Amino acid sequence: MNLGIHYHIRWSSDSSLDWKPFRVKHEATKMAERIKKPKERYSIVERGDQCERCKEFKLKAFFVVNE
């Protein structure tokens, strides 16, 4: 799966929640604002094809499916 440039929400409280890729920064920001907890902070991070977060998620998904 080649995502090209995409965006992740990086939560200040729990970085394990930023696995979902968004095609455009606006979508990531909109979702973060919708689901954030009071006083929770986040940043939107731009990533490319070599995104470590997406590789990690795909690897975990592979092992879950193949167990």
Protein backbone atom coordinates (compact mmCIF):
# COMPACT_ATOMS: atom_id res chain seq x y z
CA MET A 1 0.00 0.00 0.00
CA ASN A 2 1.65 3.20 -1.20
CA LEU A 3 0.10 6.17 0.60
CA GLY A 4 2.37 8.92 -0.66
CA ILE A 5 2.11 12.12 1.37
CA HIS A 6 -0.40 11.66 4.20
CA TYR A 7 -1.02 12.93 7.74
CA HIS A 8 -1.30 11.48 11.23
CA ILE A 9 -2.68 12.86 14.46
CA ARG A 10 0.05 12.79 17.10
CA TRP A 11 -1.57 12.88 20.53
CA SER A 12 0.39 14.30 23.42
CA SER A 13 -1.12 11.78 25.83
CA ASP A 14 -0.90 8.49 23.90
CA SER A 15 1.12 8.20 20.70
CA SER A 16 -0.33 4.73 20.01
CA LEU A 17 -3.52 6.39 18.79
CA ASP A 18 -1.98 8.06 15.76
CA TRP A 19 -2.02 5.04 13.43
CA LYS A 20 -4.79 6.13 11.06
CA PRO A 21 -3.57 7.95 7.92
CA PHE A 22 -5.46 10.90 6.47
CA ARG A 23 -5.05 11.99 2.85
CA VAL A 24 -5.23 15.71 3.64
CA LYS A 25 -4.23 17.72 6.69
CA HIS A 26 -7.70 19.24 7.02
CA GLU A 27 -9.28 15.78 7.51
CA ALA A 28 -6.81 14.91 10.27
CA THR A 29 -7.41 18.23 12.03
CA LYS A 30 -11.18 17.89 11.77
CA MET A 31 -11.10 14.37 13.25
CA ALA A 32 -8.73 15.39 16.04
CA GLU A 33 -10.97 18.27 17.05
CA ARG A 34 -13.99 15.95 17.03
CA ILE A 35 -12.51 13.23 19.25
CA LYS A 36 -10.07 15.04 21.52
CA LYS A 37 -10.66 15.11 25.26
CA PRO A 38 -10.88 18.39 27.17
CA LYS A 39 -7.42 19.98 27.48
CA GLU A 40 -5.86 17.24 25.34
CA ARG A 41 -3.23 18.40 22.86
CA TYR A 42 -2.25 17.09 19.47
CA SER A 43 -0.27 17.97 16.40
CA ILE A 44 -0.76 16.95 12.78
CA VAL A 45 2.31 15.27 11.31
CA GLU A 46 3.05 14.95 7.59
CA ARG A 47 4.46 11.61 6.48
CA GLY A 48 5.51 9.97 3.22
CA ASP A 49 5.86 6.47 1.79
CA GLN A 50 8.42 5.45 4.41
CA CYS A 51 6.06 6.21 7.30
CA GLU A 52 7.12 4.15 10.32
CA ARG A 53 3.65 4.34 11.86
CA CYS A 54 1.94 2.82 8.81
CA LYS A 55 4.61 0.11 8.52
CA GLU A 56 4.13 -0.77 12.19
CA PHE A 57 0.35 -0.89 11.82
CA LYS A 58 0.53 -3.08 8.69
CA LEU A 59 2.92 -5.45 10.45
CA LYS A 60 0.60 -5.76 13.48
CA ALA A 61 -2.42 -6.30 11.17
CA PHE A 62 -0.50 -9.03 9.31
CA PHE A 63 0.24 -10.95 12.51
CA VAL A 64 -3.34 -10.64 13.79
CA VAL A 65 -4.75 -11.97 10.51
CA ASN A 66 -2.23 -14.81 10.34
CA GLU A 67 -2.49 -16.06 13.93
